[in-house]
């Protein structure tokens, strides 16, 4: 697992939920949908899914990065139109993790799609 993410968190837009109220297994590829606009024709978005510990430490569970020129697929890159808002979808790396109330039990990022 990567180290404490608090330094990265300090320089990022952060959305934080309440702690888990009950046990959950998280399996699959998380999907993030954003509506955003750029001030330039090129841009990049990085999204991290972190576990925030009771002491404030932050551990990365999974992440995804998207070159916005490839927001509609890699086959035909297309520049952003500065100032125009667009909805983008970003798939994070597939993961399999067991969570217990308030914490992580057994992180296990996967490198192959589920079902293979």
N, C-alpha and C. Protein backbone atom coordinates (compact mmCIF):
# COMPACT_ATOMS: atom_id res chain seq x y z
N UNK A 1 0.85 -1.19 0.00
CA UNK A 1 0.00 0.00 0.00
C UNK A 1 0.89 1.24 0.00
N UNK A 2 0.44 2.30 -0.70
CA UNK A 2 1.18 3.55 -0.70
C UNK A 2 1.18 4.17 0.69
N UNK A 3 2.10 5.09 0.89
CA UNK A 3 2.22 5.77 2.18
C UNK A 3 1.07 6.73 2.43
N UNK A 4 1.19 7.46 3.53
CA UNK A 4 0.19 8.43 3.97
C UNK A 4 -0.07 9.45 2.86
N UNK A 5 -1.32 9.66 2.53
CA UNK A 5 -1.73 10.55 1.44
C UNK A 5 -2.07 11.96 1.90
N UNK A 6 -1.83 12.29 3.18
CA UNK A 6 -2.24 13.60 3.68
C UNK A 6 -1.58 14.76 2.95
N UNK A 7 -0.33 14.60 2.51
CA UNK A 7 0.33 15.69 1.77
C UNK A 7 -0.40 15.92 0.45
N UNK A 8 -0.70 14.85 -0.29
CA UNK A 8 -1.46 14.99 -1.54
C UNK A 8 -2.85 15.55 -1.26
N UNK A 9 -3.49 15.09 -0.19
CA UNK A 9 -4.83 15.57 0.15
C UNK A 9 -4.84 17.07 0.38
N UNK A 10 -3.77 17.60 0.97
CA UNK A 10 -3.70 19.03 1.28
C UNK A 10 -3.72 19.89 0.02
N UNK A 11 -3.30 19.35 -1.12
CA UNK A 11 -3.24 20.10 -2.37
C UNK A 11 -4.30 19.63 -3.37
N UNK A 12 -5.33 18.95 -2.89
CA UNK A 12 -6.36 18.36 -3.76
C UNK A 12 -7.75 18.79 -3.31
N UNK A 13 -8.68 18.73 -4.24
CA UNK A 13 -10.09 18.85 -3.87
C UNK A 13 -10.45 17.52 -3.20
N UNK A 14 -11.05 17.56 -2.01
CA UNK A 14 -11.31 16.35 -1.24
C UNK A 14 -12.79 16.28 -0.88
N UNK A 15 -13.41 15.12 -1.12
CA UNK A 15 -14.76 14.82 -0.69
C UNK A 15 -14.65 13.65 0.27
N UNK A 16 -15.20 13.80 1.47
CA UNK A 16 -15.05 12.77 2.50
C UNK A 16 -16.42 12.38 3.02
N UNK A 17 -16.65 11.05 3.11
CA UNK A 17 -17.92 10.55 3.63
C UNK A 17 -17.80 10.30 5.13
N UNK A 18 -18.90 9.95 5.72
CA UNK A 18 -18.90 9.52 7.12
C UNK A 18 -18.23 8.15 7.20
N UNK A 19 -17.68 7.77 8.37
CA UNK A 19 -17.11 6.42 8.51
C UNK A 19 -18.17 5.35 8.26
N UNK A 20 -17.71 4.18 7.80
CA UNK A 20 -18.64 3.08 7.55
C UNK A 20 -19.35 2.69 8.84
N UNK A 21 -20.66 2.51 8.75
CA UNK A 21 -21.45 2.11 9.91
C UNK A 21 -21.47 0.61 10.09
N UNK A 22 -21.21 -0.14 9.01
CA UNK A 22 -21.20 -1.61 9.09
C UNK A 22 -20.16 -2.15 8.12
N UNK A 23 -19.89 -3.44 8.23
CA UNK A 23 -18.89 -4.08 7.37
C UNK A 23 -19.33 -4.04 5.91
N UNK A 24 -18.36 -3.84 5.03
CA UNK A 24 -18.62 -3.82 3.59
C UNK A 24 -17.43 -4.44 2.87
N UNK A 25 -17.71 -5.21 1.84
CA UNK A 25 -16.67 -5.64 0.91
C UNK A 25 -16.83 -4.77 -0.32
N UNK A 26 -15.74 -4.23 -0.80
CA UNK A 26 -15.76 -3.40 -2.00
C UNK A 26 -15.02 -4.16 -3.08
N UNK A 27 -15.73 -4.49 -4.16
CA UNK A 27 -15.16 -5.29 -5.23
C UNK A 27 -15.54 -4.65 -6.56
N UNK A 28 -14.57 -4.48 -7.44
CA UNK A 28 -14.87 -3.98 -8.77
C UNK A 28 -14.05 -2.77 -9.12
N UNK A 29 -14.49 -2.08 -10.15
CA UNK A 29 -13.82 -0.88 -10.64
C UNK A 29 -14.70 0.32 -10.32
N UNK A 30 -14.34 1.09 -9.31
CA UNK A 30 -15.14 2.29 -9.00
C UNK A 30 -15.17 3.23 -10.21
N UNK A 31 -16.30 3.87 -10.40
CA UNK A 31 -16.48 4.81 -11.51
C UNK A 31 -16.79 6.18 -10.92
N UNK A 32 -16.11 7.19 -11.44
CA UNK A 32 -16.33 8.57 -11.01
C UNK A 32 -16.86 9.36 -12.20
N UNK A 33 -17.95 10.07 -11.99
CA UNK A 33 -18.49 10.95 -13.03
C UNK A 33 -18.36 12.39 -12.53
N UNK A 34 -17.75 13.22 -13.36
CA UNK A 34 -17.52 14.61 -13.01
C UNK A 34 -18.05 15.51 -14.12
N UNK A 35 -18.56 16.66 -13.74
CA UNK A 35 -18.85 17.72 -14.69
C UNK A 35 -17.79 18.77 -14.44
N UNK A 36 -17.02 19.07 -15.48
CA UNK A 36 -15.92 20.02 -15.29
C UNK A 36 -15.70 20.84 -16.55
N UNK A 37 -15.02 21.95 -16.37
CA UNK A 37 -14.60 22.81 -17.48
C UNK A 37 -13.13 23.13 -17.26
N UNK A 38 -12.40 23.29 -18.35
CA UNK A 38 -10.98 23.63 -18.30
C UNK A 38 -10.78 25.05 -18.81
N UNK A 39 -9.70 25.66 -18.37
CA UNK A 39 -9.35 26.97 -18.92
C UNK A 39 -8.35 26.85 -20.07
N UNK A 40 -8.02 25.59 -20.43
CA UNK A 40 -7.11 25.30 -21.53
C UNK A 40 -7.67 24.14 -22.34
N UNK A 41 -7.09 23.92 -23.51
CA UNK A 41 -7.56 22.84 -24.39
C UNK A 41 -7.10 21.46 -23.92
N UNK A 42 -6.06 21.40 -23.09
CA UNK A 42 -5.52 20.14 -22.59
C UNK A 42 -5.62 20.11 -21.07
N UNK A 43 -5.84 18.95 -20.53
CA UNK A 43 -5.91 18.81 -19.08
C UNK A 43 -5.83 17.36 -18.67
N UNK A 44 -5.70 17.15 -17.39
CA UNK A 44 -5.61 15.80 -16.84
C UNK A 44 -6.33 15.78 -15.50
N UNK A 45 -7.01 14.69 -15.21
CA UNK A 45 -7.71 14.51 -13.94
C UNK A 45 -7.14 13.26 -13.28
N UNK A 46 -6.83 13.38 -12.00
CA UNK A 46 -6.41 12.23 -11.19
C UNK A 46 -7.37 12.12 -10.02
N UNK A 47 -7.88 10.90 -9.79
CA UNK A 47 -8.82 10.65 -8.70
C UNK A 47 -8.24 9.54 -7.84
N UNK A 48 -8.25 9.75 -6.52
CA UNK A 48 -7.79 8.74 -5.58
C UNK A 48 -8.94 8.39 -4.63
N UNK A 49 -9.13 7.11 -4.37
CA UNK A 49 -10.06 6.64 -3.35
C UNK A 49 -9.20 6.26 -2.15
N UNK A 50 -9.37 7.00 -1.04
CA UNK A 50 -8.54 6.81 0.14
C UNK A 50 -9.37 6.35 1.33
N UNK A 51 -8.70 5.68 2.23
CA UNK A 51 -9.27 5.35 3.54
C UNK A 51 -8.67 6.35 4.54
N UNK A 52 -9.55 7.08 5.25
CA UNK A 52 -9.08 8.02 6.27
C UNK A 52 -9.21 7.33 7.62
N UNK A 53 -8.08 7.17 8.30
CA UNK A 53 -8.02 6.50 9.60
C UNK A 53 -8.50 7.43 10.70
N UNK A 54 -8.90 6.88 11.85
CA UNK A 54 -9.36 7.72 12.96
C UNK A 54 -8.34 8.77 13.40
N UNK A 55 -7.03 8.49 13.21
CA UNK A 55 -6.01 9.46 13.60
C UNK A 55 -5.74 10.50 12.51
N UNK A 56 -6.49 10.45 11.39
CA UNK A 56 -6.33 11.42 10.32
C UNK A 56 -5.43 10.96 9.18
N UNK A 57 -4.68 9.87 9.39
CA UNK A 57 -3.84 9.35 8.31
C UNK A 57 -4.74 8.93 7.15
N UNK A 58 -4.21 9.03 5.94
CA UNK A 58 -4.98 8.74 4.73
C UNK A 58 -4.21 7.74 3.88
N UNK A 59 -4.83 6.58 3.60
CA UNK A 59 -4.20 5.52 2.82
C UNK A 59 -4.93 5.36 1.49
N UNK A 60 -4.17 5.38 0.39
CA UNK A 60 -4.79 5.21 -0.92
C UNK A 60 -5.22 3.76 -1.12
N UNK A 61 -6.46 3.58 -1.58
CA UNK A 61 -7.00 2.25 -1.86
C UNK A 61 -6.85 1.96 -3.35
N UNK A 62 -7.26 2.93 -4.20
CA UNK A 62 -7.14 2.79 -5.64
C UNK A 62 -7.13 4.18 -6.25
N UNK A 63 -6.89 4.25 -7.55
CA UNK A 63 -6.84 5.55 -8.22
C UNK A 63 -7.09 5.39 -9.71
N UNK A 64 -7.25 6.51 -10.40
CA UNK A 64 -7.37 6.54 -11.84
C UNK A 64 -6.90 7.89 -12.35
N UNK A 65 -6.38 7.91 -13.56
CA UNK A 65 -5.89 9.15 -14.18
C UNK A 65 -6.45 9.19 -15.60
N UNK A 66 -6.90 10.37 -16.03
CA UNK A 66 -7.46 10.52 -17.37
C UNK A 66 -6.90 11.77 -18.04
N UNK A 67 -6.29 11.59 -19.20
CA UNK A 67 -5.94 12.70 -20.07
C UNK A 67 -7.25 13.14 -20.70
N UNK A 68 -7.66 14.38 -20.47
CA UNK A 68 -8.97 14.82 -20.92
C UNK A 68 -9.15 14.81 -22.43
N UNK A 69 -8.07 14.77 -23.18
CA UNK A 69 -8.17 14.63 -24.63
C UNK A 69 -8.71 13.25 -25.01
N UNK A 70 -8.65 12.30 -24.08
CA UNK A 70 -9.12 10.93 -24.32
C UNK A 70 -10.43 10.64 -23.58
N UNK A 71 -11.15 11.68 -23.21
CA UNK A 71 -12.38 11.51 -22.42
C UNK A 71 -13.46 10.73 -23.16
N UNK A 72 -13.42 10.74 -24.49
CA UNK A 72 -14.40 9.99 -25.30
C UNK A 72 -13.80 8.72 -25.87
N UNK A 73 -12.63 8.33 -25.37
CA UNK A 73 -11.94 7.13 -25.83
C UNK A 73 -10.59 7.47 -26.42
N UNK A 74 -9.69 6.50 -26.44
CA UNK A 74 -8.32 6.76 -26.92
C UNK A 74 -8.19 6.78 -28.44
N UNK A 75 -9.20 6.32 -29.15
CA UNK A 75 -9.08 6.19 -30.60
C UNK A 75 -8.98 7.54 -31.30
N UNK A 76 -9.75 8.51 -30.83
CA UNK A 76 -9.78 9.83 -31.48
C UNK A 76 -9.62 10.91 -30.41
N UNK A 77 -8.38 11.29 -30.11
CA UNK A 77 -8.18 12.35 -29.11
C UNK A 77 -8.86 13.65 -29.55
N UNK A 78 -9.44 14.34 -28.58
CA UNK A 78 -10.15 15.59 -28.88
C UNK A 78 -9.87 16.60 -27.78
N UNK A 79 -9.39 17.77 -28.18
CA UNK A 79 -9.09 18.83 -27.22
C UNK A 79 -10.36 19.29 -26.52
N UNK A 80 -10.22 19.74 -25.28
CA UNK A 80 -11.33 20.35 -24.56
C UNK A 80 -11.58 21.73 -25.17
N UNK A 81 -12.81 22.21 -25.06
CA UNK A 81 -13.13 23.58 -25.45
C UNK A 81 -13.06 24.40 -24.16
N UNK A 82 -12.07 25.31 -24.06
CA UNK A 82 -11.92 26.08 -22.83
C UNK A 82 -13.22 26.77 -22.42
N UNK A 83 -13.57 26.60 -21.14
CA UNK A 83 -14.76 27.22 -20.58
C UNK A 83 -16.04 26.43 -20.74
N UNK A 84 -16.06 25.40 -21.58
CA UNK A 84 -17.28 24.61 -21.78
C UNK A 84 -17.31 23.43 -20.82
N UNK A 85 -18.37 23.32 -20.04
CA UNK A 85 -18.50 22.21 -19.08
C UNK A 85 -18.87 20.93 -19.83
N UNK A 86 -18.25 19.84 -19.41
CA UNK A 86 -18.54 18.51 -19.99
C UNK A 86 -18.60 17.50 -18.86
N UNK A 87 -19.42 16.46 -19.05
CA UNK A 87 -19.43 15.35 -18.10
C UNK A 87 -18.40 14.33 -18.58
N UNK A 88 -17.54 13.91 -17.67
CA UNK A 88 -16.55 12.88 -17.99
C UNK A 88 -16.75 11.71 -17.04
N UNK A 89 -16.33 10.55 -17.49
CA UNK A 89 -16.37 9.33 -16.68
C UNK A 89 -14.96 8.80 -16.57
N UNK A 90 -14.56 8.47 -15.37
CA UNK A 90 -13.22 7.95 -15.09
C UNK A 90 -13.35 6.66 -14.31
N UNK A 91 -12.82 5.57 -14.85
CA UNK A 91 -12.82 4.28 -14.15
C UNK A 91 -11.52 4.14 -13.37
N UNK A 92 -11.64 3.80 -12.11
CA UNK A 92 -10.47 3.58 -11.27
C UNK A 92 -9.99 2.15 -11.43
N UNK A 93 -8.80 1.87 -10.94
CA UNK A 93 -8.23 0.53 -11.02
C UNK A 93 -9.10 -0.45 -10.24
N UNK A 94 -9.32 -1.62 -10.81
CA UNK A 94 -10.13 -2.67 -10.18
C UNK A 94 -9.54 -3.02 -8.82
N UNK A 95 -10.41 -3.23 -7.85
CA UNK A 95 -9.93 -3.59 -6.52
C UNK A 95 -10.83 -4.61 -5.87
N UNK A 96 -10.28 -5.20 -4.83
CA UNK A 96 -11.01 -6.14 -3.99
C UNK A 96 -10.54 -5.83 -2.58
N UNK A 97 -11.46 -5.37 -1.73
CA UNK A 97 -11.05 -4.96 -0.39
C UNK A 97 -12.15 -5.30 0.61
N UNK A 98 -11.75 -5.79 1.75
CA UNK A 98 -12.68 -6.07 2.82
C UNK A 98 -12.59 -4.95 3.83
N UNK A 99 -13.71 -4.33 4.12
CA UNK A 99 -13.72 -3.22 5.08
C UNK A 99 -14.48 -3.63 6.32
N UNK A 100 -13.98 -3.22 7.44
CA UNK A 100 -14.72 -3.42 8.69
C UNK A 100 -15.21 -2.05 9.13
N UNK A 101 -16.11 -2.02 10.07
CA UNK A 101 -16.67 -0.76 10.52
C UNK A 101 -15.55 0.21 10.91
N UNK A 102 -15.50 1.34 10.23
CA UNK A 102 -14.52 2.37 10.54
C UNK A 102 -13.13 2.11 10.01
N UNK A 103 -12.89 1.02 9.26
CA UNK A 103 -11.52 0.76 8.81
C UNK A 103 -11.42 -0.27 7.71
N UNK A 104 -10.19 -0.53 7.29
CA UNK A 104 -9.90 -1.49 6.23
C UNK A 104 -9.37 -2.77 6.85
N UNK A 105 -9.87 -3.91 6.38
CA UNK A 105 -9.40 -5.19 6.90
C UNK A 105 -8.34 -5.81 6.02
N UNK A 106 -8.57 -5.85 4.70
CA UNK A 106 -7.63 -6.57 3.84
C UNK A 106 -7.60 -5.99 2.43
N UNK A 107 -6.79 -4.95 2.21
CA UNK A 107 -6.72 -4.40 0.86
C UNK A 107 -6.04 -5.37 -0.09
N UNK A 108 -6.55 -5.45 -1.30
CA UNK A 108 -5.97 -6.35 -2.30
C UNK A 108 -6.27 -5.83 -3.69
N UNK A 109 -5.52 -4.83 -4.19
CA UNK A 109 -5.78 -4.35 -5.55
C UNK A 109 -5.61 -5.48 -6.56
N UNK A 110 -6.47 -5.54 -7.54
CA UNK A 110 -6.42 -6.56 -8.58
C UNK A 110 -5.83 -5.97 -9.85
N UNK A 111 -5.17 -6.76 -10.64
CA UNK A 111 -4.63 -6.31 -11.91
C UNK A 111 -5.39 -6.89 -13.09
N UNK A 112 -6.31 -7.81 -12.85
CA UNK A 112 -7.06 -8.41 -13.94
C UNK A 112 -8.55 -8.12 -13.72
N UNK A 113 -9.31 -8.00 -14.80
CA UNK A 113 -10.75 -7.75 -14.64
C UNK A 113 -11.42 -8.88 -13.88
N UNK A 114 -12.45 -8.54 -13.15
CA UNK A 114 -13.22 -9.53 -12.42
C UNK A 114 -13.85 -10.49 -13.42
N UNK A 115 -13.88 -11.76 -13.08
CA UNK A 115 -14.47 -12.77 -13.93
C UNK A 115 -13.45 -13.50 -14.80
N UNK A 116 -12.21 -13.08 -14.74
CA UNK A 116 -11.18 -13.77 -15.51
C UNK A 116 -10.38 -14.68 -14.62
